[in-house]
Amino acid sequence: MEARPIPALPKTHLHVHFTGSMRHTTLVELARRHRVHLPDALEEEWPPHLHATDERGWFRFQRLYDIARSVLRTEEDVRRLVRETAEDEAAEGSGWLEIQVDPSGYGARFGGLTPFTELVMDAAREASEASGVGVGVIIAANRTRHPLDARTLARLAVQYAGHGVVGFGLSNDERRGRAYDFDAAFRIAKRAGLLSTPHGGELLGPASVRACLDALGADRIGHGVRAADDPALLDTLAARGVTLEVCPASNVGLGVFAAPEDVPVRQIFEAGVPIALGADDPLLFGSRLTRQYELAREVHGFTDAELAELARCSIRGSSAPADLQKRMLEDVDAWLRTPAP
């Protein structure tokens, strides 16, 4: 069977959250430095056993994320997180990274929304120069907060459109906060040319995906896997060229699907919907981007030609500059021409 090395396959990473991108070793080190107590699930029993399809399970998942976020206390902590994430992406063959962050979860500790956002963007520039991986920032609103907060974040994102911020997202528990309630925020962002990248179709069904399309003008959808329950919706996504940021390990880790083979990667792919594989929160799910491609190969039977097409979809669906996209697409073709070992 073909088995070209996946880390050598050029690709982009479009679905990874800020704190969730942290190395586990860094989490433990910073927790000890800042005297933050970590529960067993984030230390001795890592990665944690999660199941977030019910309210209690989601609360536990969010609590672990909040604890992990609390170890970020200094500017250097933030710069280190972004630098190490870019280094890890480079090692896995990513030429472009889009990291998603909700500044309202960090602003109180770093002097406010604007100072924290500028810190992240400066860290992203440094990390990009050091690693060779392009880094774009997606500002994300929180579904569990008031839609007016989302408008504030959209205006913040617009200030830096073209200067590091590439998109506007909507994350957290999609069962709490309808997409339609956030349409004004997304109009603000889209008028400035930012990509619309809301989460949908993870914990809820196809209607959640349709709401992202109809109300938020989604260019990409975080997860979106439940669209597989509606063949007509898959046809719509394919016709519009809307990329789904599919995160197989995360879907299983949160209990959305019982096993890797249940994640409908093959069904979505064969329906002609662009897929950009993502790791979501490596810190909590224990795997990074390469593993998602390995699952596509090992579990879903993707050939190297099909893996190459997944990589192309991730490149075309990104906000990477046109010249970088062209170069990466050429490098994907070169990877495929290389004889398999």
C-alpha atoms as a PDB file:
ATOM      1  CA  MET A   1       0.000   0.000   0.000  1.00  0.00           C
ATOM      2  CA  GLU A   2       1.139   3.565  -0.704  1.00  0.00           C
ATOM      3  CA  ALA A   3       2.586   5.198   2.383  1.00  0.00           C
ATOM      4  CA  ARG A   4       4.356   8.438   1.634  1.00  0.00           C
ATOM      5  CA  PRO A   5       5.321  10.237   4.861  1.00  0.00           C
ATOM      6  CA  ILE A   6       2.452  12.452   5.994  1.00  0.00           C
ATOM      7  CA  PRO A   7       4.645  15.062   7.722  1.00  0.00           C
ATOM      8  CA  ALA A   8       6.230  15.706   4.314  1.00  0.00           C
ATOM      9  CA  LEU A   9       2.813  16.450   2.770  1.00  0.00           C
ATOM     10  CA  PRO A  10       2.368  20.248   2.521  1.00  0.00           C
ATOM     11  CA  LYS A  11      -0.877  21.356   4.176  1.00  0.00           C
ATOM     12  CA  THR A  12      -2.494  24.061   6.260  1.00  0.00           C
ATOM     13  CA  HIS A  13      -4.033  23.842   9.712  1.00  0.00           C
ATOM     14  CA  LEU A  14      -7.257  25.820   9.910  1.00  0.00           C
ATOM     15  CA  HIS A  15      -8.928  24.534  13.084  1.00  0.00           C
ATOM     16  CA  VAL A  16      -6.951  24.850  16.288  1.00  0.00           C
ATOM     17  CA  HIS A  17      -7.803  26.834  19.396  1.00  0.00           C
ATOM     18  CA  PHE A  18      -5.354  29.056  21.233  1.00  0.00           C
ATOM     19  CA  THR A  19      -4.888  27.420  24.659  1.00  0.00           C
ATOM     20  CA  GLY A  20      -5.763  24.055  23.141  1.00  0.00           C
ATOM     21  CA  SER A  21      -2.675  24.242  20.935  1.00  0.00           C
ATOM     22  CA  MET A  22      -0.325  24.243  23.931  1.00  0.00           C
ATOM     23  CA  ARG A  23       2.148  21.418  24.408  1.00  0.00           C
ATOM     24  CA  HIS A  24       1.324  19.235  27.385  1.00  0.00           C
ATOM     25  CA  THR A  25       4.872  19.570  28.677  1.00  0.00           C
ATOM     26  CA  THR A  26       4.522  23.360  28.558  1.00  0.00           C
ATOM     27  CA  LEU A  27       1.235  23.206  30.455  1.00  0.00           C
ATOM     28  CA  VAL A  28       2.828  21.200  33.253  1.00  0.00           C
ATOM     29  CA  GLU A  29       5.907  23.417  33.395  1.00  0.00           C
ATOM     30  CA  LEU A  30       3.940  26.684  33.486  1.00  0.00           C
ATOM     31  CA  ALA A  31       1.527  25.293  36.072  1.00  0.00           C
ATOM     32  CA  ARG A  32       4.417  24.505  38.390  1.00  0.00           C
ATOM     33  CA  ARG A  33       6.068  27.872  37.760  1.00  0.00           C
ATOM     34  CA  HIS A  34       2.880  29.812  38.506  1.00  0.00           C
ATOM     35  CA  ARG A  35       1.670  27.446  41.239  1.00  0.00           C
ATOM     36  CA  VAL A  36      -1.496  26.419  39.432  1.00  0.00           C
ATOM     37  CA  HIS A  37      -2.919  23.104  40.623  1.00  0.00           C
ATOM     38  CA  LEU A  38      -3.670  20.771  37.727  1.00  0.00           C
ATOM     39  CA  PRO A  39      -6.281  18.031  38.116  1.00  0.00           C
ATOM     40  CA  ASP A  40      -5.150  14.474  37.402  1.00  0.00           C
ATOM     41  CA  ALA A  41      -6.865  14.627  34.008  1.00  0.00           C
ATOM     42  CA  LEU A  42      -4.377  17.278  32.914  1.00  0.00           C
ATOM     43  CA  GLU A  43      -1.290  15.672  34.425  1.00  0.00           C
ATOM     44  CA  GLU A  44      -0.940  12.035  35.507  1.00  0.00           C
ATOM     45  CA  GLU A  45      -4.006  10.833  33.558  1.00  0.00           C
ATOM     46  CA  TRP A  46      -3.486  12.964  30.463  1.00  0.00           C
ATOM     47  CA  PRO A  47      -5.028  13.058  27.899  1.00  0.00           C
ATOM     48  CA  PRO A  48      -8.334  13.307  29.743  1.00  0.00           C
ATOM     49  CA  HIS A  49     -11.273  11.013  29.136  1.00  0.00           C
ATOM     50  CA  LEU A  50     -13.973  13.303  27.802  1.00  0.00           C
ATOM     51  CA  HIS A  51     -17.597  12.964  26.785  1.00  0.00           C
ATOM     52  CA  ALA A  52     -19.233  16.301  26.121  1.00  0.00           C
ATOM     53  CA  THR A  53     -22.461  15.426  24.355  1.00  0.00           C
ATOM     54  CA  ASP A  54     -24.407  16.143  27.543  1.00  0.00           C
ATOM     55  CA  GLU A  55     -24.367  19.343  29.585  1.00  0.00           C
ATOM     56  CA  ARG A  56     -22.326  17.883  32.438  1.00  0.00           C
ATOM     57  CA  GLY A  57     -19.702  16.516  30.078  1.00  0.00           C
ATOM     58  CA  TRP A  58     -19.367  19.817  28.232  1.00  0.00           C
ATOM     59  CA  PHE A  59     -18.998  21.633  31.555  1.00  0.00           C
ATOM     60  CA  ARG A  60     -16.101  19.324  32.483  1.00  0.00           C
ATOM     61  CA  PHE A  61     -14.460  19.852  29.106  1.00  0.00           C
ATOM     62  CA  GLN A  62     -14.773  23.635  29.445  1.00  0.00           C
ATOM     63  CA  ARG A  63     -13.504  23.532  33.022  1.00  0.00           C
ATOM     64  CA  LEU A  64     -10.336  21.695  31.953  1.00  0.00           C
ATOM     65  CA  TYR A  65      -9.815  24.225  29.163  1.00  0.00           C
ATOM     66  CA  ASP A  66     -10.245  27.116  31.623  1.00  0.00           C
ATOM     67  CA  ILE A  67      -7.727  25.578  34.019  1.00  0.00           C
ATOM     68  CA  ALA A  68      -5.231  25.183  31.198  1.00  0.00           C
ATOM     69  CA  ARG A  69      -5.788  28.784  30.142  1.00  0.00           C
ATOM     70  CA  SER A  70      -5.066  29.963  33.685  1.00  0.00           C
ATOM     71  CA  VAL A  71      -1.381  28.984  33.411  1.00  0.00           C
ATOM     72  CA  LEU A  72      -0.849  31.772  30.875  1.00  0.00           C
ATOM     73  CA  ARG A  73       0.215  34.584  33.190  1.00  0.00           C
ATOM     74  CA  THR A  74       2.900  36.596  31.386  1.00  0.00           C
ATOM     75  CA  GLU A  75       3.607  37.963  27.928  1.00  0.00           C
ATOM     76  CA  GLU A  76       6.402  35.436  27.561  1.00  0.00           C
ATOM     77  CA  ASP A  77       3.956  32.604  28.306  1.00  0.00           C
ATOM     78  CA  VAL A  78       1.784  33.766  25.405  1.00  0.00           C
ATOM     79  CA  ARG A  79       4.748  34.176  23.062  1.00  0.00           C
ATOM     80  CA  ARG A  80       6.024  30.746  24.017  1.00  0.00           C
ATOM     81  CA  LEU A  81       2.673  29.102  23.298  1.00  0.00           C
ATOM     82  CA  VAL A  82       2.444  30.643  19.823  1.00  0.00           C
ATOM     83  CA  ARG A  83       6.117  29.968  19.063  1.00  0.00           C
ATOM     84  CA  GLU A  84       5.915  26.313  20.072  1.00  0.00           C
ATOM     85  CA  THR A  85       2.651  25.822  18.185  1.00  0.00           C
ATOM     86  CA  ALA A  86       4.267  27.168  15.003  1.00  0.00           C
ATOM     87  CA  GLU A  87       7.293  24.921  15.577  1.00  0.00           C
ATOM     88  CA  ASP A  88       5.021  21.899  15.941  1.00  0.00           C
ATOM     89  CA  GLU A  89       3.152  22.850  12.760  1.00  0.00           C
ATOM     90  CA  ALA A  90       6.411  23.150  10.846  1.00  0.00           C
ATOM     91  CA  ALA A  91       7.429  19.665  12.008  1.00  0.00           C
ATOM     92  CA  GLU A  92       4.105  18.287  10.740  1.00  0.00           C
ATOM     93  CA  GLY A  93       4.324  19.841   7.294  1.00  0.00           C
ATOM     94  CA  SER A  94       2.071  22.847   7.764  1.00  0.00           C
ATOM     95  CA  GLY A  95       2.984  25.884   5.734  1.00  0.00           C
ATOM     96  CA  TRP A  96       0.149  27.983   7.102  1.00  0.00           C
ATOM     97  CA  LEU A  97      -1.629  28.055  10.485  1.00  0.00           C
ATOM     98  CA  GLU A  98      -4.823  29.822  11.490  1.00  0.00           C
ATOM     99  CA  ILE A  99      -5.108  29.941  15.258  1.00  0.00           C
ATOM    100  CA  GLN A 100      -8.448  30.820  16.828  1.00  0.00           C
ATOM    101  CA  VAL A 101      -8.717  32.907  19.977  1.00  0.00           C
ATOM    102  CA  ASP A 102     -11.442  34.620  22.013  1.00  0.00           C
ATOM    103  CA  PRO A 103      -9.684  37.654  23.557  1.00  0.00           C
ATOM    104  CA  SER A 104     -12.432  38.063  26.150  1.00  0.00           C
ATOM    105  CA  GLY A 105     -11.128  34.944  27.885  1.00  0.00           C
ATOM    106  CA  TYR A 106      -7.687  36.515  28.372  1.00  0.00           C
ATOM    107  CA  GLY A 107      -8.157  40.280  28.377  1.00  0.00           C
ATOM    108  CA  ALA A 108      -8.599  40.720  32.125  1.00  0.00           C
ATOM    109  CA  ARG A 109      -5.133  39.299  32.771  1.00  0.00           C
ATOM    110  CA  PHE A 110      -3.380  41.137  29.934  1.00  0.00           C
ATOM    111  CA  GLY A 111      -4.706  44.676  30.175  1.00  0.00           C
ATOM    112  CA  GLY A 112      -7.837  44.388  28.044  1.00  0.00           C
ATOM    113  CA  LEU A 113      -9.060  43.037  24.731  1.00  0.00           C
ATOM    114  CA  THR A 114      -6.928  45.265  22.514  1.00  0.00           C
ATOM    115  CA  PRO A 115      -3.591  44.824  24.339  1.00  0.00           C
ATOM    116  CA  PHE A 116      -4.063  41.064  24.423  1.00  0.00           C
ATOM    117  CA  THR A 117      -4.988  40.908  20.731  1.00  0.00           C
ATOM    118  CA  GLU A 118      -1.930  42.971  19.812  1.00  0.00           C
ATOM    119  CA  LEU A 119       0.229  40.676  21.956  1.00  0.00           C
ATOM    120  CA  VAL A 120      -1.083  37.608  20.129  1.00  0.00           C
ATOM    121  CA  MET A 121      -0.521  39.166  16.727  1.00  0.00           C
ATOM    122  CA  ASP A 122       2.998  40.243  17.626  1.00  0.00           C
ATOM    123  CA  ALA A 123       3.682  36.738  18.916  1.00  0.00           C
ATOM    124  CA  ALA A 124       2.284  35.331  15.672  1.00  0.00           C
ATOM    125  CA  ARG A 125       4.632  37.506  13.596  1.00  0.00           C
ATOM    126  CA  GLU A 126       7.624  36.414  15.668  1.00  0.00           C
ATOM    127  CA  ALA A 127       6.614  32.751  15.476  1.00  0.00           C
ATOM    128  CA  SER A 128       6.122  32.940  11.728  1.00  0.00           C
ATOM    129  CA  GLU A 129       9.533  34.489  11.146  1.00  0.00           C
ATOM    130  CA  ALA A 130      11.226  31.915  13.362  1.00  0.00           C
ATOM    131  CA  SER A 131       9.429  28.814  12.057  1.00  0.00           C
ATOM    132  CA  GLY A 132       8.747  29.646   8.426  1.00  0.00           C
ATOM    133  CA  VAL A 133       5.047  28.864   8.966  1.00  0.00           C
ATOM    134  CA  GLY A 134       2.613  31.634   8.048  1.00  0.00           C
ATOM    135  CA  VAL A 135       0.305  32.427  10.963  1.00  0.00           C
ATOM    136  CA  GLY A 136      -3.109  34.083  10.737  1.00  0.00           C
ATOM    137  CA  VAL A 137      -5.331  34.880  13.710  1.00  0.00           C
ATOM    138  CA  ILE A 138      -9.070  34.200  13.853  1.00  0.00           C
ATOM    139  CA  ILE A 139     -10.942  36.217  16.474  1.00  0.00           C
ATOM    140  CA  ALA A 140     -13.782  34.073  17.815  1.00  0.00           C
ATOM    141  CA  ALA A 141     -16.886  35.061  19.727  1.00  0.00           C
ATOM    142  CA  ASN A 142     -18.400  32.817  22.384  1.00  0.00           C
ATOM    143  CA  ARG A 143     -21.900  31.426  21.799  1.00  0.00           C
ATOM    144  CA  THR A 144     -22.579  31.406  25.536  1.00  0.00           C
ATOM    145  CA  ARG A 145     -22.082  35.171  25.843  1.00  0.00           C
ATOM    146  CA  HIS A 146     -24.392  37.995  24.736  1.00  0.00           C
ATOM    147  CA  PRO A 147     -24.460  38.774  20.995  1.00  0.00           C
ATOM    148  CA  LEU A 148     -23.436  42.356  21.804  1.00  0.00           C
ATOM    149  CA  ASP A 149     -20.120  40.962  23.065  1.00  0.00           C
ATOM    150  CA  ALA A 150     -19.696  39.319  19.681  1.00  0.00           C
ATOM    151  CA  ARG A 151     -20.176  42.682  17.961  1.00  0.00           C
ATOM    152  CA  THR A 152     -17.448  44.162  20.144  1.00  0.00           C
ATOM    153  CA  LEU A 153     -15.107  41.369  19.098  1.00  0.00           C
ATOM    154  CA  ALA A 154     -16.075  41.755  15.443  1.00  0.00           C
ATOM    155  CA  ARG A 155     -15.157  45.439  15.566  1.00  0.00           C
ATOM    156  CA  LEU A 156     -11.891  44.503  17.255  1.00  0.00           C
ATOM    157  CA  ALA A 157     -11.163  41.973  14.511  1.00  0.00           C
ATOM    158  CA  VAL A 158     -11.931  44.549  11.827  1.00  0.00           C
ATOM    159  CA  GLN A 159      -9.297  46.912  13.268  1.00  0.00           C
ATOM    160  CA  TYR A 160      -6.639  44.370  12.362  1.00  0.00           C
ATOM    161  CA  ALA A 161      -8.069  42.979   9.119  1.00  0.00           C
ATOM    162  CA  GLY A 162      -5.171  42.715   6.718  1.00  0.00           C
ATOM    163  CA  HIS A 163      -2.699  43.063   9.558  1.00  0.00           C
ATOM    164  CA  GLY A 164      -2.732  39.564  11.039  1.00  0.00           C
ATOM    165  CA  VAL A 165      -6.419  38.876  11.681  1.00  0.00           C
ATOM    166  CA  VAL A 166      -7.853  36.800   8.841  1.00  0.00           C
ATOM    167  CA  GLY A 167     -11.261  35.631  10.051  1.00  0.00           C
ATOM    168  CA  PHE A 168     -14.088  35.824  12.555  1.00  0.00           C
ATOM    169  CA  GLY A 169     -15.465  32.737  14.283  1.00  0.00           C
ATOM    170  CA  LEU A 170     -18.072  31.534  16.744  1.00  0.00           C
ATOM    171  CA  SER A 171     -17.230  28.743  19.174  1.00  0.00           C
ATOM    172  CA  ASN A 172     -18.261  26.984  22.402  1.00  0.00           C
ATOM    173  CA  ASP A 173     -21.400  24.907  22.981  1.00  0.00           C
ATOM    174  CA  GLU A 174     -23.616  25.317  19.914  1.00  0.00           C
ATOM    175  CA  ARG A 175     -26.637  24.190  21.961  1.00  0.00           C
ATOM    176  CA  ARG A 176     -26.412  27.510  23.825  1.00  0.00           C
ATOM    177  CA  GLY A 177     -26.711  30.416  21.424  1.00  0.00           C
ATOM    178  CA  ARG A 178     -28.362  30.308  17.995  1.00  0.00           C
ATOM    179  CA  ALA A 179     -26.333  31.317  14.982  1.00  0.00           C
ATOM    180  CA  TYR A 180     -29.047  33.793  13.993  1.00  0.00           C
ATOM    181  CA  ASP A 181     -28.414  35.794  17.163  1.00  0.00           C
ATOM    182  CA  PHE A 182     -24.890  36.591  15.969  1.00  0.00           C
ATOM    183  CA  ASP A 183     -25.654  37.675  12.401  1.00  0.00           C
ATOM    184  CA  ALA A 184     -24.919  41.364  13.054  1.00  0.00           C
ATOM    185  CA  ALA A 185     -21.419  40.579  14.321  1.00  0.00           C
ATOM    186  CA  PHE A 186     -20.647  38.491  11.258  1.00  0.00           C
ATOM    187  CA  ARG A 187     -21.920  41.201   8.916  1.00  0.00           C
ATOM    188  CA  ILE A 188     -19.446  43.608  10.520  1.00  0.00           C
ATOM    189  CA  ALA A 189     -16.603  41.140   9.995  1.00  0.00           C
ATOM    190  CA  LYS A 190     -17.526  40.156   6.442  1.00  0.00           C
ATOM    191  CA  ARG A 191     -17.817  43.766   5.298  1.00  0.00           C
ATOM    192  CA  ALA A 192     -14.141  44.123   6.202  1.00  0.00           C
ATOM    193  CA  GLY A 193     -13.221  41.111   4.098  1.00  0.00           C
ATOM    194  CA  LEU A 194     -12.707  38.689   6.979  1.00  0.00           C
ATOM    195  CA  LEU A 195     -13.536  35.030   6.517  1.00  0.00           C
ATOM    196  CA  SER A 196     -16.644  33.755   8.312  1.00  0.00           C
ATOM    197  CA  THR A 197     -15.620  30.597  10.202  1.00  0.00           C
ATOM    198  CA  PRO A 198     -18.304  29.649  12.768  1.00  0.00           C
ATOM    199  CA  HIS A 199     -18.562  26.279  14.476  1.00  0.00           C
ATOM    200  CA  GLY A 200     -21.647  24.232  13.672  1.00  0.00           C
ATOM    201  CA  GLY A 201     -22.890  20.710  13.099  1.00  0.00           C
ATOM    202  CA  GLU A 202     -20.838  19.145  15.875  1.00  0.00           C
ATOM    203  CA  LEU A 203     -23.167  18.734  18.847  1.00  0.00           C
ATOM    204  CA  LEU A 204     -26.295  19.578  16.842  1.00  0.00           C
ATOM    205  CA  GLY A 205     -27.499  18.298  13.494  1.00  0.00           C
ATOM    206  CA  PRO A 206     -27.747  19.604   9.935  1.00  0.00           C
ATOM    207  CA  ALA A 207     -29.943  22.570  10.929  1.00  0.00           C
ATOM    208  CA  SER A 208     -26.965  24.000  12.808  1.00  0.00           C
ATOM    209  CA  VAL A 209     -24.879  23.886   9.618  1.00  0.00           C
ATOM    210  CA  ARG A 210     -27.650  25.507   7.586  1.00  0.00           C
ATOM    211  CA  ALA A 211     -27.897  28.312  10.137  1.00  0.00           C
ATOM    212  CA  CYS A 212     -24.186  28.999   9.740  1.00  0.00           C
ATOM    213  CA  LEU A 213     -24.661  29.221   5.976  1.00  0.00           C
ATOM    214  CA  ASP A 214     -27.867  31.247   5.950  1.00  0.00           C
ATOM    215  CA  ALA A 215     -27.355  33.587   8.907  1.00  0.00           C
ATOM    216  CA  LEU A 216     -23.585  33.944   9.100  1.00  0.00           C
ATOM    217  CA  GLY A 217     -22.521  33.600   5.472  1.00  0.00           C
ATOM    218  CA  ALA A 218     -20.010  30.913   6.416  1.00  0.00           C
ATOM    219  CA  ASP A 219     -16.968  30.542   4.185  1.00  0.00           C
ATOM    220  CA  ARG A 220     -15.821  27.605   6.305  1.00  0.00           C
ATOM    221  CA  ILE A 221     -17.563  25.732   9.095  1.00  0.00           C
ATOM    222  CA  GLY A 222     -15.809  24.385  12.153  1.00  0.00           C
ATOM    223  CA  HIS A 223     -16.624  20.668  12.332  1.00  0.00           C
ATOM    224  CA  GLY A 224     -19.837  20.482  10.261  1.00  0.00           C
ATOM    225  CA  VAL A 225     -19.734  16.684  10.327  1.00  0.00           C
ATOM    226  CA  ARG A 226     -23.445  16.336  11.074  1.00  0.00           C
ATOM    227  CA  ALA A 227     -24.110  17.674   7.588  1.00  0.00           C
ATOM    228  CA  ALA A 228     -23.574  14.045   6.567  1.00  0.00           C
ATOM    229  CA  ASP A 229     -27.055  13.331   7.931  1.00  0.00           C
ATOM    230  CA  ASP A 230     -28.559  15.431   5.120  1.00  0.00           C
ATOM    231  CA  PRO A 231     -27.463  14.568   1.543  1.00  0.00           C
ATOM    232  CA  ALA A 232     -29.111  17.727   0.163  1.00  0.00           C
ATOM    233  CA  LEU A 233     -27.074  19.831   2.564  1.00  0.00           C
ATOM    234  CA  LEU A 234     -23.888  18.096   1.439  1.00  0.00           C
ATOM    235  CA  ASP A 235     -24.826  19.004  -2.134  1.00  0.00           C
ATOM    236  CA  THR A 236     -25.284  22.639  -1.080  1.00  0.00           C
ATOM    237  CA  LEU A 237     -21.912  22.734   0.673  1.00  0.00           C
ATOM    238  CA  ALA A 238     -20.214  21.179  -2.338  1.00  0.00           C
ATOM    239  CA  ALA A 239     -21.875  23.576  -4.780  1.00  0.00           C
ATOM    240  CA  ARG A 240     -20.881  26.606  -2.707  1.00  0.00           C
ATOM    241  CA  GLY A 241     -17.376  25.309  -2.045  1.00  0.00           C
ATOM    242  CA  VAL A 242     -17.745  25.735   1.708  1.00  0.00           C
ATOM    243  CA  THR A 243     -14.902  23.989   3.513  1.00  0.00           C
ATOM    244  CA  LEU A 244     -15.664  21.832   6.550  1.00  0.00           C
ATOM    245  CA  GLU A 245     -12.949  21.828   9.213  1.00  0.00           C
ATOM    246  CA  VAL A 246     -13.285  18.166  10.208  1.00  0.00           C
ATOM    247  CA  CYS A 247     -11.553  17.126  13.441  1.00  0.00           C
ATOM    248  CA  PRO A 248     -11.741  13.311  13.685  1.00  0.00           C
ATOM    249  CA  ALA A 249      -9.903  12.772  16.987  1.00  0.00           C
ATOM    250  CA  SER A 250     -11.860  15.571  18.633  1.00  0.00           C
ATOM    251  CA  ASN A 251     -15.182  14.157  17.434  1.00  0.00           C
ATOM    252  CA  VAL A 252     -14.388  10.836  19.070  1.00  0.00           C
ATOM    253  CA  GLY A 253     -12.850  12.437  22.153  1.00  0.00           C
ATOM    254  CA  LEU A 254     -16.011  14.446  22.844  1.00  0.00           C
ATOM    255  CA  GLY A 255     -18.324  11.503  22.170  1.00  0.00           C
ATOM    256  CA  VAL A 256     -19.871  12.953  19.001  1.00  0.00           C
ATOM    257  CA  PHE A 257     -19.006   9.605  17.412  1.00  0.00           C
ATOM    258  CA  ALA A 258     -18.198   6.387  19.243  1.00  0.00           C
ATOM    259  CA  ALA A 259     -15.146   5.408  17.182  1.00  0.00           C
ATOM    260  CA  PRO A 260     -12.892   6.859  14.458  1.00  0.00           C
ATOM    261  CA  GLU A 261     -14.563   4.742  11.768  1.00  0.00           C
ATOM    262  CA  ASP A 262     -17.910   6.415  12.581  1.00  0.00           C
ATOM    263  CA  VAL A 263     -16.690   9.914  11.672  1.00  0.00           C
ATOM    264  CA  PRO A 264     -18.146  10.463   8.155  1.00  0.00           C
ATOM    265  CA  VAL A 265     -14.923  11.696   6.548  1.00  0.00           C
ATOM    266  CA  ARG A 266     -15.292   9.408   3.532  1.00  0.00           C
ATOM    267  CA  GLN A 267     -18.958  10.282   3.010  1.00  0.00           C
ATOM    268  CA  ILE A 268     -18.299  14.031   3.111  1.00  0.00           C
ATOM    269  CA  PHE A 269     -15.272  13.716   0.825  1.00  0.00           C
ATOM    270  CA  GLU A 270     -17.098  11.651  -1.778  1.00  0.00           C
ATOM    271  CA  ALA A 271     -19.960  14.169  -1.762  1.00  0.00           C
ATOM    272  CA  GLY A 272     -17.461  16.702  -3.115  1.00  0.00           C
ATOM    273  CA  VAL A 273     -17.362  18.891  -0.009  1.00  0.00           C
ATOM    274  CA  PRO A 274     -13.929  20.428   0.650  1.00  0.00           C
ATOM    275  CA  ILE A 275     -12.415  19.120   3.896  1.00  0.00           C
ATOM    276  CA  ALA A 276      -9.640  20.705   5.942  1.00  0.00           C
ATOM    277  CA  LEU A 277      -8.600  18.266   8.637  1.00  0.00           C
ATOM    278  CA  GLY A 278      -7.920  19.838  12.029  1.00  0.00           C
ATOM    279  CA  ALA A 279      -6.781  18.850  15.501  1.00  0.00           C
ATOM    280  CA  ASP A 280      -9.089  21.246  17.406  1.00  0.00           C
ATOM    281  CA  ASP A 281      -7.434  21.141  20.849  1.00  0.00           C
ATOM    282  CA  PRO A 282      -4.310  18.934  20.844  1.00  0.00           C
ATOM    283  CA  LEU A 283      -3.779  19.694  24.513  1.00  0.00           C
ATOM    284  CA  LEU A 284      -7.055  18.008  25.446  1.00  0.00           C
ATOM    285  CA  PHE A 285      -7.304  15.341  22.746  1.00  0.00           C
ATOM    286  CA  GLY A 286      -3.689  14.226  22.698  1.00  0.00           C
ATOM    287  CA  SER A 287      -3.030  14.379  18.951  1.00  0.00           C
ATOM    288  CA  ARG A 288      -1.987  16.973  16.401  1.00  0.00           C
ATOM    289  CA  LEU A 289      -2.577  17.448  12.697  1.00  0.00           C
ATOM    290  CA  THR A 290      -0.533  14.542  11.331  1.00  0.00           C
ATOM    291  CA  ARG A 291      -2.639  12.099  13.326  1.00  0.00           C
ATOM    292  CA  GLN A 292      -5.805  13.306  11.592  1.00  0.00           C
ATOM    293  CA  TYR A 293      -4.306  12.420   8.211  1.00  0.00           C
ATOM    294  CA  GLU A 294      -3.158   9.082   9.603  1.00  0.00           C
ATOM    295  CA  LEU A 295      -6.738   8.341  10.679  1.00  0.00           C
ATOM    296  CA  ALA A 296      -7.956   9.170   7.180  1.00  0.00           C
ATOM    297  CA  ARG A 297      -5.404   6.721   5.767  1.00  0.00           C
ATOM    298  CA  GLU A 298      -5.654   3.930   8.359  1.00  0.00           C
ATOM    299  CA  VAL A 299      -9.355   4.025   9.236  1.00  0.00           C
ATOM    300  CA  HIS A 300     -11.070   5.454   6.167  1.00  0.00           C
ATOM    301  CA  GLY A 301      -8.809   3.954   3.521  1.00  0.00           C
ATOM    302  CA  PHE A 302      -7.670   7.201   1.916  1.00  0.00           C
ATOM    303  CA  THR A 303      -5.040   6.675  -0.749  1.00  0.00           C
ATOM    304  CA  ASP A 304      -2.086   9.012  -1.037  1.00  0.00           C
ATOM    305  CA  ALA A 305      -3.821  10.727  -3.977  1.00  0.00           C
ATOM    306  CA  GLU A 306      -6.853  11.330  -1.758  1.00  0.00           C
ATOM    307  CA  LEU A 307      -4.700  12.565   1.126  1.00  0.00           C
ATOM    308  CA  ALA A 308      -3.109  14.973  -1.328  1.00  0.00           C
ATOM    309  CA  GLU A 309      -6.562  16.245  -2.257  1.00  0.00           C
ATOM    310  CA  LEU A 310      -7.371  16.788   1.436  1.00  0.00           C
ATOM    311  CA  ALA A 311      -4.193  18.830   1.700  1.00  0.00           C
ATOM    312  CA  ARG A 312      -5.166  20.843  -1.390  1.00  0.00           C
ATOM    313  CA  CYS A 313      -8.591  21.535   0.125  1.00  0.00           C
ATOM    314  CA  SER A 314      -6.933  22.839   3.286  1.00  0.00           C
ATOM    315  CA  ILE A 315      -4.723  25.142   1.219  1.00  0.00           C
ATOM    316  CA  ARG A 316      -7.506  26.466  -1.008  1.00  0.00           C
ATOM    317  CA  GLY A 317      -9.799  26.994   1.984  1.00  0.00           C
ATOM    318  CA  SER A 318      -7.206  29.027   3.869  1.00  0.00           C
ATOM    319  CA  SER A 319      -6.536  32.754   3.929  1.00  0.00           C
ATOM    320  CA  ALA A 320      -2.891  32.173   2.979  1.00  0.00           C
ATOM    321  CA  PRO A 321      -1.548  34.631   0.388  1.00  0.00           C
ATOM    322  CA  ALA A 322      -2.069  33.571  -3.225  1.00  0.00           C
ATOM    323  CA  ASP A 323       1.637  33.095  -3.913  1.00  0.00           C
ATOM    324  CA  LEU A 324       2.015  30.836  -0.884  1.00  0.00           C
ATOM    325  CA  GLN A 325      -1.040  28.822  -1.894  1.00  0.00           C
ATOM    326  CA  LYS A 326       0.371  28.367  -5.401  1.00  0.00           C
ATOM    327  CA  ARG A 327       3.731  27.226  -4.067  1.00  0.00           C
ATOM    328  CA  MET A 328       2.159  24.817  -1.584  1.00  0.00           C
ATOM    329  CA  LEU A 329      -0.140  23.311  -4.220  1.00  0.00           C
ATOM    330  CA  GLU A 330       2.880  22.695  -6.430  1.00  0.00           C
ATOM    331  CA  ASP A 331       4.639  21.066  -3.490  1.00  0.00           C
ATOM    332  CA  VAL A 332       1.628  18.771  -2.911  1.00  0.00           C
ATOM    333  CA  ASP A 333       1.949  17.609  -6.526  1.00  0.00           C
ATOM    334  CA  ALA A 334       5.660  17.041  -5.976  1.00  0.00           C
ATOM    335  CA  TRP A 335       4.920  14.968  -2.846  1.00  0.00           C
ATOM    336  CA  LEU A 336       2.574  12.800  -4.862  1.00  0.00           C
ATOM    337  CA  ARG A 337       5.163  12.307  -7.614  1.00  0.00           C
ATOM    338  CA  THR A 338       7.700  11.049  -5.103  1.00  0.00           C
ATOM    339  CA  PRO A 339       7.779   7.224  -5.159  1.00  0.00           C
ATOM    340  CA  ALA A 340       6.207   5.637  -2.109  1.00  0.00           C
ATOM    341  CA  PRO A 341       8.731   3.753   0.060  1.00  0.00           C
END
